[in-house]
Amino acid sequence: MASARDVLTALYGTYRLARLDASGMDYFDVTTTGFWRSFFAAVLVAPFYVLLLSLRSSGLAENASLFHFMAIEAIAYVFAWVAFPLLMASLVKNFDRDAHYIRFIVAYNWAAVLQNALYLPIAILATSGLLADAAANTLGLIALSLIVFYTWFITRTALEIPAGMAAGIVGLDFLLSILINTVAGGMH
């Protein structure tokens, strides 16, 4: 488990990266231990995700099971945190960047906290009806654009790869997320 100091240091690194400061990478523990600790980011995001799910569950049909809905979403949540790192473990070997794998996943995982801090409030406000559809769509698109660019910067910086290759990896990550969400949604 990550200590409070580990978390704060890593989050400071994500903040620096969000300011397009490549030295933000220096704030991550890029050891094997740091790799496993970076998955603690999923624990930090989880309460806000559960809040979003509880709001979404209020729109379930009467005959739908809350347990079934939450179980599917919990499995999809865990799968989303594991699938991309597993895919990247083999992909980095194809372009000779396996030495950069741990630092990339560590930065990628911790950056998810900042990304979700931007996206989840918009989704929560939209789902609760406190944000009009047009405003939610606009803010959601802006947030998504910023998140994609941020992820691209982290990918390019951590893996030390060309911009186009980084864009391809971010696109692959995006498609994988859509696939996971589509499968989970289809199971409801």
N, C-alpha and C. Protein backbone atom coordinates (compact mmCIF):
# COMPACT_ATOMS: atom_id res chain seq x y z
N MET A 1 0.84 -1.18 0.00
CA MET A 1 0.00 0.00 0.00
C MET A 1 0.89 1.24 0.00
N ALA A 2 0.45 2.25 -0.69
CA ALA A 2 1.20 3.48 -0.78
C ALA A 2 1.00 4.32 0.48
N SER A 3 2.09 4.93 0.96
CA SER A 3 1.99 5.82 2.12
C SER A 3 1.42 7.17 1.66
N ALA A 4 1.03 7.97 2.62
CA ALA A 4 0.51 9.31 2.29
C ALA A 4 1.59 10.11 1.55
N ARG A 5 2.83 9.96 1.97
CA ARG A 5 3.92 10.69 1.31
C ARG A 5 4.09 10.22 -0.14
N ASP A 6 4.01 8.89 -0.36
CA ASP A 6 4.10 8.35 -1.72
C ASP A 6 3.00 8.93 -2.61
N VAL A 7 1.79 8.96 -2.06
CA VAL A 7 0.64 9.45 -2.82
C VAL A 7 0.82 10.92 -3.16
N LEU A 8 1.16 11.73 -2.16
CA LEU A 8 1.31 13.17 -2.40
C LEU A 8 2.44 13.47 -3.37
N THR A 9 3.53 12.74 -3.26
CA THR A 9 4.65 12.95 -4.18
C THR A 9 4.25 12.59 -5.60
N ALA A 10 3.58 11.46 -5.76
CA ALA A 10 3.14 11.03 -7.09
C ALA A 10 2.11 12.01 -7.66
N LEU A 11 1.20 12.48 -6.83
CA LEU A 11 0.20 13.43 -7.33
C LEU A 11 0.85 14.76 -7.71
N TYR A 12 1.89 15.13 -7.00
CA TYR A 12 2.63 16.34 -7.40
C TYR A 12 3.28 16.12 -8.76
N GLY A 13 3.80 14.93 -8.98
CA GLY A 13 4.36 14.59 -10.30
C GLY A 13 3.32 14.69 -11.39
N THR A 14 2.09 14.22 -11.10
CA THR A 14 1.03 14.31 -12.12
C THR A 14 0.66 15.76 -12.40
N TYR A 15 0.68 16.57 -11.35
CA TYR A 15 0.42 18.00 -11.52
C TYR A 15 1.48 18.64 -12.42
N ARG A 16 2.73 18.30 -12.17
CA ARG A 16 3.82 18.86 -13.00
C ARG A 16 3.66 18.42 -14.45
N LEU A 17 3.32 17.17 -14.66
CA LEU A 17 3.10 16.68 -16.02
C LEU A 17 1.92 17.39 -16.68
N ALA A 18 0.89 17.69 -15.90
CA ALA A 18 -0.27 18.40 -16.44
C ALA A 18 0.11 19.81 -16.89
N ARG A 19 1.16 20.34 -16.32
CA ARG A 19 1.67 21.66 -16.73
C ARG A 19 2.69 21.51 -17.86
N LEU A 20 2.73 20.30 -18.45
CA LEU A 20 3.64 19.96 -19.56
C LEU A 20 5.10 20.10 -19.15
N ASP A 21 5.36 19.77 -17.90
CA ASP A 21 6.71 19.79 -17.35
C ASP A 21 7.18 18.34 -17.24
N ALA A 22 8.05 17.96 -18.16
CA ALA A 22 8.52 16.57 -18.20
C ALA A 22 9.25 16.16 -16.93
N SER A 23 9.74 17.12 -16.14
CA SER A 23 10.43 16.77 -14.90
C SER A 23 9.46 16.21 -13.86
N GLY A 24 8.16 16.27 -14.14
CA GLY A 24 7.19 15.62 -13.26
C GLY A 24 7.47 14.13 -13.12
N MET A 25 8.11 13.55 -14.12
CA MET A 25 8.47 12.13 -14.07
C MET A 25 9.40 11.82 -12.90
N ASP A 26 10.15 12.82 -12.44
CA ASP A 26 11.11 12.62 -11.36
C ASP A 26 10.44 12.36 -10.01
N TYR A 27 9.14 12.57 -9.92
CA TYR A 27 8.43 12.44 -8.65
C TYR A 27 7.77 11.07 -8.47
N PHE A 28 8.00 10.19 -9.40
CA PHE A 28 7.41 8.86 -9.32
C PHE A 28 8.43 7.83 -8.87
N ASP A 29 7.96 6.88 -8.10
CA ASP A 29 8.78 5.73 -7.71
C ASP A 29 8.69 4.74 -8.86
N VAL A 30 9.75 4.62 -9.63
CA VAL A 30 9.70 3.78 -10.83
C VAL A 30 10.38 2.43 -10.61
N THR A 31 10.32 1.97 -9.37
CA THR A 31 10.79 0.63 -9.05
C THR A 31 9.62 -0.34 -9.22
N THR A 32 9.90 -1.61 -9.08
CA THR A 32 8.83 -2.61 -9.14
C THR A 32 7.83 -2.37 -8.00
N THR A 33 8.32 -2.01 -6.83
CA THR A 33 7.43 -1.69 -5.72
C THR A 33 6.56 -0.48 -6.06
N GLY A 34 7.17 0.53 -6.65
CA GLY A 34 6.43 1.72 -7.06
C GLY A 34 5.38 1.40 -8.11
N PHE A 35 5.70 0.46 -8.99
CA PHE A 35 4.75 0.01 -10.00
C PHE A 35 3.49 -0.52 -9.33
N TRP A 36 3.65 -1.44 -8.39
CA TRP A 36 2.49 -2.04 -7.73
C TRP A 36 1.76 -1.02 -6.86
N ARG A 37 2.50 -0.12 -6.23
CA ARG A 37 1.86 0.92 -5.41
C ARG A 37 1.04 1.88 -6.27
N SER A 38 1.42 2.06 -7.51
CA SER A 38 0.69 3.01 -8.37
C SER A 38 -0.75 2.58 -8.61
N PHE A 39 -1.03 1.31 -8.44
CA PHE A 39 -2.41 0.83 -8.60
C PHE A 39 -3.29 1.27 -7.42
N PHE A 40 -2.67 1.83 -6.38
CA PHE A 40 -3.44 2.42 -5.28
C PHE A 40 -4.26 3.61 -5.79
N ALA A 41 -3.87 4.16 -6.90
CA ALA A 41 -4.64 5.25 -7.52
C ALA A 41 -6.08 4.81 -7.76
N ALA A 42 -6.28 3.55 -8.08
CA ALA A 42 -7.64 3.03 -8.30
C ALA A 42 -8.46 3.12 -7.02
N VAL A 43 -7.82 2.95 -5.88
CA VAL A 43 -8.51 3.05 -4.59
C VAL A 43 -8.91 4.51 -4.33
N LEU A 44 -8.05 5.45 -4.71
CA LEU A 44 -8.36 6.86 -4.51
C LEU A 44 -9.54 7.32 -5.36
N VAL A 45 -9.63 6.78 -6.57
CA VAL A 45 -10.69 7.17 -7.50
C VAL A 45 -12.01 6.47 -7.17
N ALA A 46 -11.93 5.28 -6.62
CA ALA A 46 -13.11 4.42 -6.42
C ALA A 46 -14.30 5.09 -5.70
N PRO A 47 -14.11 5.82 -4.60
CA PRO A 47 -15.28 6.39 -3.93
C PRO A 47 -16.09 7.33 -4.83
N PHE A 48 -15.41 8.09 -5.66
CA PHE A 48 -16.10 9.01 -6.56
C PHE A 48 -16.81 8.25 -7.68
N TYR A 49 -16.19 7.15 -8.10
CA TYR A 49 -16.80 6.30 -9.12
C TYR A 49 -18.04 5.61 -8.56
N VAL A 50 -17.97 5.18 -7.30
CA VAL A 50 -19.13 4.55 -6.66
C VAL A 50 -20.27 5.57 -6.52
N LEU A 51 -19.94 6.82 -6.21
CA LEU A 51 -20.96 7.86 -6.15
C LEU A 51 -21.64 8.03 -7.51
N LEU A 52 -20.85 8.06 -8.57
CA LEU A 52 -21.40 8.16 -9.92
C LEU A 52 -22.30 6.96 -10.22
N LEU A 53 -21.84 5.77 -9.87
CA LEU A 53 -22.64 4.56 -10.12
C LEU A 53 -23.94 4.58 -9.32
N SER A 54 -23.88 5.07 -8.10
CA SER A 54 -25.11 5.11 -7.31
C SER A 54 -26.13 6.06 -7.94
N LEU A 55 -25.66 7.16 -8.51
CA LEU A 55 -26.56 8.07 -9.22
C LEU A 55 -27.11 7.41 -10.48
N ARG A 56 -26.25 6.71 -11.21
CA ARG A 56 -26.70 6.03 -12.43
C ARG A 56 -27.66 4.89 -12.11
N SER A 57 -27.48 4.25 -10.98
CA SER A 57 -28.35 3.12 -10.64
C SER A 57 -29.78 3.56 -10.34
N SER A 58 -29.96 4.82 -10.01
CA SER A 58 -31.32 5.30 -9.75
C SER A 58 -32.16 5.30 -11.02
N GLY A 59 -31.51 5.24 -12.17
CA GLY A 59 -32.23 5.18 -13.43
C GLY A 59 -32.46 3.77 -13.94
N LEU A 60 -32.15 2.78 -13.13
CA LEU A 60 -32.36 1.39 -13.55
C LEU A 60 -33.85 1.07 -13.64
N ALA A 61 -34.17 0.17 -14.51
CA ALA A 61 -35.56 -0.30 -14.62
C ALA A 61 -35.95 -0.99 -13.31
N GLU A 62 -37.24 -1.04 -13.03
CA GLU A 62 -37.72 -1.62 -11.77
C GLU A 62 -37.29 -3.07 -11.59
N ASN A 63 -37.24 -3.81 -12.68
CA ASN A 63 -36.89 -5.23 -12.57
C ASN A 63 -35.38 -5.47 -12.59
N ALA A 64 -34.59 -4.41 -12.71
CA ALA A 64 -33.14 -4.56 -12.73
C ALA A 64 -32.60 -4.70 -11.31
N SER A 65 -31.59 -5.52 -11.18
CA SER A 65 -30.98 -5.77 -9.88
C SER A 65 -29.83 -4.79 -9.63
N LEU A 66 -29.88 -4.09 -8.50
CA LEU A 66 -28.80 -3.18 -8.12
C LEU A 66 -27.51 -3.96 -7.93
N PHE A 67 -27.61 -5.14 -7.30
CA PHE A 67 -26.41 -5.97 -7.10
C PHE A 67 -25.79 -6.34 -8.44
N HIS A 68 -26.60 -6.76 -9.39
CA HIS A 68 -26.12 -7.13 -10.72
C HIS A 68 -25.42 -5.94 -11.38
N PHE A 69 -26.05 -4.79 -11.33
CA PHE A 69 -25.48 -3.57 -11.91
C PHE A 69 -24.13 -3.24 -11.28
N MET A 70 -24.07 -3.22 -9.95
CA MET A 70 -22.83 -2.86 -9.25
C MET A 70 -21.74 -3.92 -9.45
N ALA A 71 -22.12 -5.19 -9.50
CA ALA A 71 -21.13 -6.24 -9.71
C ALA A 71 -20.49 -6.12 -11.09
N ILE A 72 -21.30 -5.88 -12.10
CA ILE A 72 -20.77 -5.71 -13.46
C ILE A 72 -19.85 -4.50 -13.52
N GLU A 73 -20.27 -3.40 -12.92
CA GLU A 73 -19.47 -2.18 -12.94
C GLU A 73 -18.17 -2.34 -12.14
N ALA A 74 -18.22 -3.08 -11.04
CA ALA A 74 -17.01 -3.32 -10.23
C ALA A 74 -16.01 -4.16 -11.02
N ILE A 75 -16.49 -5.18 -11.70
CA ILE A 75 -15.61 -6.01 -12.52
C ILE A 75 -15.02 -5.19 -13.67
N ALA A 76 -15.85 -4.37 -14.30
CA ALA A 76 -15.37 -3.52 -15.40
C ALA A 76 -14.34 -2.52 -14.89
N TYR A 77 -14.54 -2.00 -13.69
CA TYR A 77 -13.60 -1.04 -13.09
C TYR A 77 -12.23 -1.68 -12.90
N VAL A 78 -12.22 -2.86 -12.31
CA VAL A 78 -10.96 -3.57 -12.09
C VAL A 78 -10.32 -3.93 -13.43
N PHE A 79 -11.12 -4.42 -14.35
CA PHE A 79 -10.60 -4.80 -15.67
C PHE A 79 -9.99 -3.59 -16.38
N ALA A 80 -10.64 -2.43 -16.26
CA ALA A 80 -10.13 -1.22 -16.91
C ALA A 80 -8.78 -0.82 -16.33
N TRP A 81 -8.55 -1.06 -15.06
CA TRP A 81 -7.27 -0.71 -14.45
C TRP A 81 -6.16 -1.72 -14.80
N VAL A 82 -6.55 -2.91 -15.20
CA VAL A 82 -5.56 -3.97 -15.45
C VAL A 82 -5.30 -4.20 -16.95
N ALA A 83 -6.32 -4.04 -17.77
CA ALA A 83 -6.22 -4.41 -19.19
C ALA A 83 -5.16 -3.63 -19.94
N PHE A 84 -5.16 -2.31 -19.80
CA PHE A 84 -4.19 -1.51 -20.55
C PHE A 84 -2.75 -1.79 -20.12
N PRO A 85 -2.44 -1.84 -18.82
CA PRO A 85 -1.06 -2.21 -18.45
C PRO A 85 -0.64 -3.58 -18.98
N LEU A 86 -1.57 -4.54 -19.01
CA LEU A 86 -1.23 -5.86 -19.55
C LEU A 86 -0.96 -5.77 -21.05
N LEU A 87 -1.79 -5.04 -21.76
CA LEU A 87 -1.58 -4.84 -23.19
C LEU A 87 -0.25 -4.16 -23.45
N MET A 88 0.05 -3.14 -22.68
CA MET A 88 1.31 -2.41 -22.87
C MET A 88 2.54 -3.24 -22.54
N ALA A 89 2.39 -4.20 -21.63
CA ALA A 89 3.53 -5.06 -21.28
C ALA A 89 4.08 -5.77 -22.50
N SER A 90 3.20 -6.19 -23.40
CA SER A 90 3.68 -6.85 -24.61
C SER A 90 3.97 -5.84 -25.72
N LEU A 91 3.22 -4.76 -25.76
CA LEU A 91 3.39 -3.77 -26.83
C LEU A 91 4.74 -3.06 -26.76
N VAL A 92 5.20 -2.72 -25.56
CA VAL A 92 6.47 -1.99 -25.44
C VAL A 92 7.65 -2.81 -25.97
N LYS A 93 7.53 -4.12 -25.92
CA LYS A 93 8.60 -4.97 -26.46
C LYS A 93 8.69 -4.83 -27.98
N ASN A 94 7.55 -4.58 -28.63
CA ASN A 94 7.53 -4.47 -30.09
C ASN A 94 8.24 -3.23 -30.60
N PHE A 95 8.32 -2.18 -29.78
CA PHE A 95 9.06 -1.00 -30.23
C PHE A 95 10.20 -0.64 -29.28
N ASP A 96 10.76 -1.69 -28.68
CA ASP A 96 11.99 -1.60 -27.89
C ASP A 96 11.93 -0.53 -26.80
N ARG A 97 10.84 -0.53 -26.05
CA ARG A 97 10.69 0.42 -24.95
C ARG A 97 10.37 -0.29 -23.64
N ASP A 98 10.69 -1.60 -23.56
CA ASP A 98 10.37 -2.33 -22.34
C ASP A 98 11.11 -1.79 -21.12
N ALA A 99 12.25 -1.14 -21.31
CA ALA A 99 12.97 -0.54 -20.18
C ALA A 99 12.21 0.65 -19.61
N HIS A 100 11.27 1.20 -20.36
CA HIS A 100 10.49 2.36 -19.93
C HIS A 100 9.08 1.98 -19.44
N TYR A 101 8.78 0.70 -19.49
CA TYR A 101 7.42 0.24 -19.17
C TYR A 101 6.97 0.64 -17.77
N ILE A 102 7.78 0.35 -16.76
CA ILE A 102 7.38 0.62 -15.38
C ILE A 102 7.14 2.10 -15.17
N ARG A 103 8.05 2.95 -15.64
CA ARG A 103 7.86 4.39 -15.42
C ARG A 103 6.62 4.90 -16.14
N PHE A 104 6.31 4.31 -17.29
CA PHE A 104 5.11 4.72 -18.01
C PHE A 104 3.85 4.34 -17.24
N ILE A 105 3.76 3.10 -16.80
CA ILE A 105 2.55 2.65 -16.10
C ILE A 105 2.40 3.38 -14.77
N VAL A 106 3.50 3.63 -14.08
CA VAL A 106 3.42 4.37 -12.81
C VAL A 106 2.84 5.77 -13.06
N ALA A 107 3.36 6.47 -14.04
CA ALA A 107 2.85 7.82 -14.36
C ALA A 107 1.41 7.74 -14.86
N TYR A 108 1.13 6.77 -15.70
CA TYR A 108 -0.21 6.58 -16.26
C TYR A 108 -1.24 6.34 -15.15
N ASN A 109 -0.90 5.45 -14.21
CA ASN A 109 -1.83 5.13 -13.12
C ASN A 109 -2.09 6.35 -12.23
N TRP A 110 -1.01 7.00 -11.80
CA TRP A 110 -1.20 8.15 -10.92
C TRP A 110 -1.92 9.29 -11.64
N ALA A 111 -1.67 9.45 -12.93
CA ALA A 111 -2.35 10.50 -13.69
C ALA A 111 -3.86 10.28 -13.74
N ALA A 112 -4.28 9.04 -13.59
CA ALA A 112 -5.71 8.74 -13.61
C ALA A 112 -6.45 9.44 -12.47
N VAL A 113 -5.76 9.70 -11.36
CA VAL A 113 -6.39 10.41 -10.25
C VAL A 113 -6.73 11.83 -10.69
N LEU A 114 -5.79 12.49 -11.31
CA LEU A 114 -6.03 13.86 -11.79
C LEU A 114 -7.07 13.88 -12.90
N GLN A 115 -7.00 12.91 -13.80
CA GLN A 115 -7.97 12.83 -14.89
C GLN A 115 -9.39 12.65 -14.36
N ASN A 116 -9.54 11.77 -13.39
CA ASN A 116 -10.86 11.52 -12.82
C ASN A 116 -11.33 12.69 -11.97
N ALA A 117 -10.40 13.43 -11.37
CA ALA A 117 -10.78 14.64 -10.63
C ALA A 117 -11.37 15.68 -11.57
N LEU A 118 -10.99 15.65 -12.82
CA LEU A 118 -11.55 16.55 -13.81
C LEU A 118 -12.87 16.01 -14.36
N TYR A 119 -12.90 14.73 -14.70
CA TYR A 119 -14.05 14.16 -15.40
C TYR A 119 -15.23 13.80 -14.48
N LEU A 120 -14.96 13.15 -13.37
CA LEU A 120 -16.05 12.62 -12.53
C LEU A 120 -17.00 13.70 -12.00
N PRO A 121 -16.53 14.88 -11.58
CA PRO A 121 -17.51 15.89 -11.16
C PRO A 121 -18.49 16.28 -12.28
N ILE A 122 -17.99 16.36 -13.50
CA ILE A 122 -18.87 16.67 -14.64
C ILE A 122 -19.89 15.55 -14.82
N ALA A 123 -19.43 14.31 -14.79
CA ALA A 123 -20.33 13.16 -14.95
C ALA A 123 -21.34 13.08 -13.81
N ILE A 124 -20.90 13.36 -12.59
CA ILE A 124 -21.80 13.32 -11.44
C ILE A 124 -22.87 14.41 -11.55
N LEU A 125 -22.45 15.62 -11.90
CA LEU A 125 -23.41 16.71 -12.06
C LEU A 125 -24.39 16.45 -13.20
N ALA A 126 -23.89 15.88 -14.28
CA ALA A 126 -24.75 15.57 -15.43
C ALA A 126 -25.75 14.47 -15.07
N THR A 127 -25.28 13.41 -14.42
CA THR A 127 -26.13 12.28 -14.06
C THR A 127 -27.19 12.69 -13.04
N SER A 128 -26.83 13.57 -12.13
CA SER A 128 -27.78 14.01 -11.11
C SER A 128 -28.79 15.02 -11.64
N GLY A 129 -28.56 15.51 -12.87
CA GLY A 129 -29.48 16.49 -13.46
C GLY A 129 -29.17 17.92 -13.07
N LEU A 130 -28.09 18.14 -12.34
CA LEU A 130 -27.71 19.48 -11.93
C LEU A 130 -27.01 20.27 -13.04
N LEU A 131 -26.71 19.58 -14.12
CA LEU A 131 -26.03 20.20 -15.25
C LEU A 131 -26.85 19.88 -16.49
N ALA A 132 -27.23 20.90 -17.23
CA ALA A 132 -28.02 20.70 -18.44
C ALA A 132 -27.26 19.83 -19.44
N ASP A 133 -27.99 19.11 -20.28
CA ASP A 133 -27.37 18.19 -21.24
C ASP A 133 -26.35 18.90 -22.14
N ALA A 134 -26.70 20.06 -22.66
CA ALA A 134 -25.79 20.79 -23.55
C ALA A 134 -24.51 21.18 -22.82
N ALA A 135 -24.65 21.68 -21.60
CA ALA A 135 -23.48 22.06 -20.81
C ALA A 135 -22.65 20.83 -20.46
N ALA A 136 -23.33 19.75 -20.10
CA ALA A 136 -22.62 18.51 -19.76
C ALA A 136 -21.84 17.99 -20.96
N ASN A 137 -22.47 18.01 -22.13
CA ASN A 137 -21.79 17.54 -23.34
C ASN A 137 -20.58 18.41 -23.67
N THR A 138 -20.74 19.72 -23.55
CA THR A 138 -19.64 20.64 -23.85
C THR A 138 -18.50 20.45 -22.86
N LEU A 139 -18.83 20.46 -21.57
CA LEU A 139 -17.80 20.27 -20.55
C LEU A 139 -17.15 18.89 -20.66
N GLY A 140 -17.97 17.89 -20.95
CA GLY A 140 -17.43 16.53 -21.12
C GLY A 140 -16.46 16.45 -22.28
N LEU A 141 -16.78 17.10 -23.38
CA LEU A 141 -15.89 17.11 -24.54
C LEU A 141 -14.60 17.85 -24.25
N ILE A 142 -14.70 18.96 -23.55
CA ILE A 142 -13.49 19.71 -23.16
C ILE A 142 -12.62 18.85 -22.24
N ALA A 143 -13.25 18.24 -21.24
CA ALA A 143 -12.51 17.38 -20.30
C ALA A 143 -11.85 16.22 -21.03
N LEU A 144 -12.60 15.58 -21.93
CA LEU A 144 -12.04 14.47 -22.69
C LEU A 144 -10.85 14.91 -23.53
N SER A 145 -10.96 16.06 -24.16
CA SER A 145 -9.86 16.58 -24.98
C SER A 145 -8.61 16.83 -24.13
N LEU A 146 -8.81 17.42 -22.96
CA LEU A 146 -7.68 17.68 -22.06
C LEU A 146 -7.06 16.37 -21.57
N ILE A 147 -7.90 15.41 -21.25
CA ILE A 147 -7.41 14.11 -20.76
C ILE A 147 -6.63 13.38 -21.85
N VAL A 148 -7.13 13.40 -23.07
CA VAL A 148 -6.43 12.74 -24.17
C VAL A 148 -5.08 13.40 -24.41
N PHE A 149 -5.05 14.72 -24.41
CA PHE A 149 -3.78 15.43 -24.61
C PHE A 149 -2.82 15.13 -23.47
N TYR A 150 -3.30 15.14 -22.24
CA TYR A 150 -2.48 14.85 -21.06
C TYR A 150 -1.91 13.44 -21.13
N THR A 151 -2.74 12.49 -21.49
CA THR A 151 -2.29 11.11 -21.62
C THR A 151 -1.26 10.98 -22.73
N TRP A 152 -1.48 11.69 -23.82
CA TRP A 152 -0.50 11.70 -24.92
C TRP A 152 0.84 12.24 -24.44
N PHE A 153 0.82 13.33 -23.68
CA PHE A 153 2.06 13.92 -23.18
C PHE A 153 2.79 12.94 -22.26
N ILE A 154 2.05 12.29 -21.38
CA ILE A 154 2.65 11.31 -20.47
C ILE A 154 3.24 10.15 -21.26
N THR A 155 2.50 9.67 -22.24
CA THR A 155 2.95 8.53 -23.04
C THR A 155 4.24 8.88 -23.79
N ARG A 156 4.25 10.03 -24.43
CA ARG A 156 5.43 10.47 -25.19
C ARG A 156 6.62 10.69 -24.26
N THR A 157 6.36 11.30 -23.11
CA THR A 157 7.43 11.62 -22.17
C THR A 157 7.98 10.37 -21.48
N ALA A 158 7.10 9.55 -20.94
CA ALA A 158 7.54 8.38 -20.16
C ALA A 158 8.19 7.31 -21.03
N LEU A 159 7.64 7.10 -22.23
CA LEU A 159 8.20 6.07 -23.11
C LEU A 159 9.29 6.60 -24.02
N GLU A 160 9.44 7.94 -24.06
CA GLU A 160 10.42 8.58 -24.94
C GLU A 160 10.25 8.10 -26.38
N ILE A 161 9.05 8.34 -26.90
CA ILE A 161 8.70 7.92 -28.25
C ILE A 161 8.22 9.12 -29.06
N PRO A 162 8.19 8.99 -30.38
CA PRO A 162 7.69 10.07 -31.22
C PRO A 162 6.21 10.37 -30.97
N ALA A 163 5.82 11.58 -31.31
CA ALA A 163 4.45 12.05 -31.07
C ALA A 163 3.40 11.15 -31.73
N GLY A 164 3.63 10.74 -32.95
CA GLY A 164 2.66 9.90 -33.66
C GLY A 164 2.48 8.55 -33.01
N MET A 165 3.56 7.97 -32.55
CA MET A 165 3.47 6.67 -31.87
C MET A 165 2.71 6.82 -30.55
N ALA A 166 2.98 7.91 -29.84
CA ALA A 166 2.26 8.18 -28.59
C ALA A 166 0.77 8.35 -28.87
N ALA A 167 0.43 9.03 -29.95
CA ALA A 167 -0.98 9.22 -30.32
C ALA A 167 -1.64 7.87 -30.60
N GLY A 168 -0.92 6.98 -31.26
CA GLY A 168 -1.45 5.65 -31.53
C GLY A 168 -1.73 4.87 -30.26
N ILE A 169 -0.84 4.97 -29.29
CA ILE A 169 -1.04 4.28 -28.01
C ILE A 169 -2.23 4.86 -27.26
N VAL A 170 -2.36 6.18 -27.26
CA VAL A 170 -3.49 6.81 -26.60
C VAL A 170 -4.79 6.40 -27.29
N GLY A 171 -4.77 6.33 -28.61
CA GLY A 171 -5.94 5.88 -29.35
C GLY A 171 -6.31 4.45 -28.98
N LEU A 172 -5.31 3.59 -28.86
CA LEU A 172 -5.53 2.21 -28.46
C LEU A 172 -6.14 2.14 -27.05
N ASP A 173 -5.63 2.95 -26.15
CA ASP A 173 -6.16 3.03 -24.78
C ASP A 173 -7.62 3.47 -24.81
N PHE A 174 -7.93 4.47 -25.62
CA PHE A 174 -9.29 4.98 -25.75
C PHE A 174 -10.23 3.90 -26.28
N LEU A 175 -9.79 3.19 -27.32
CA LEU A 175 -10.61 2.11 -27.89
C LEU A 175 -10.83 0.99 -26.88
N LEU A 176 -9.82 0.66 -26.12
CA LEU A 176 -9.95 -0.37 -25.09
C LEU A 176 -10.97 0.05 -24.03
N SER A 177 -10.95 1.32 -23.65
CA SER A 177 -11.93 1.83 -22.68
C SER A 177 -13.35 1.75 -23.22
N ILE A 178 -13.50 2.12 -24.49
CA ILE A 178 -14.82 2.02 -25.12
C ILE A 178 -15.30 0.58 -25.15
N LEU A 179 -14.41 -0.34 -25.49
CA LEU A 179 -14.77 -1.76 -25.53
C LEU A 179 -15.22 -2.26 -24.16
N ILE A 180 -14.47 -1.93 -23.12
CA ILE A 180 -14.82 -2.36 -21.76
C ILE A 180 -16.17 -1.79 -21.35
N ASN A 181 -16.39 -0.50 -21.61
CA ASN A 181 -17.66 0.14 -21.25
C ASN A 181 -18.83 -0.42 -22.06
N THR A 182 -18.59 -0.74 -23.32
CA THR A 182 -19.65 -1.29 -24.17
C THR A 182 -20.05 -2.68 -23.69
N VAL A 183 -19.05 -3.50 -23.39
CA VAL A 183 -19.34 -4.85 -22.90
C VAL A 183 -20.08 -4.79 -21.56
N ALA A 184 -19.60 -3.92 -20.66
CA ALA A 184 -20.27 -3.79 -19.35
C ALA A 184 -21.71 -3.29 -19.54
N GLY A 185 -21.88 -2.29 -20.38
CA GLY A 185 -23.21 -1.75 -20.63
C GLY A 185 -24.14 -2.77 -21.25
N GLY A 186 -23.60 -3.62 -22.10
CA GLY A 186 -24.42 -4.65 -22.73
C GLY A 186 -24.85 -5.75 -21.78
N MET A 187 -24.15 -5.85 -20.65
CA MET A 187 -24.48 -6.89 -19.67
C MET A 187 -25.56 -6.46 -18.69
N HIS A 188 -25.95 -5.19 -18.74
CA HIS A 188 -26.98 -4.69 -17.81
C HIS A 188 -28.34 -5.11 -18.25
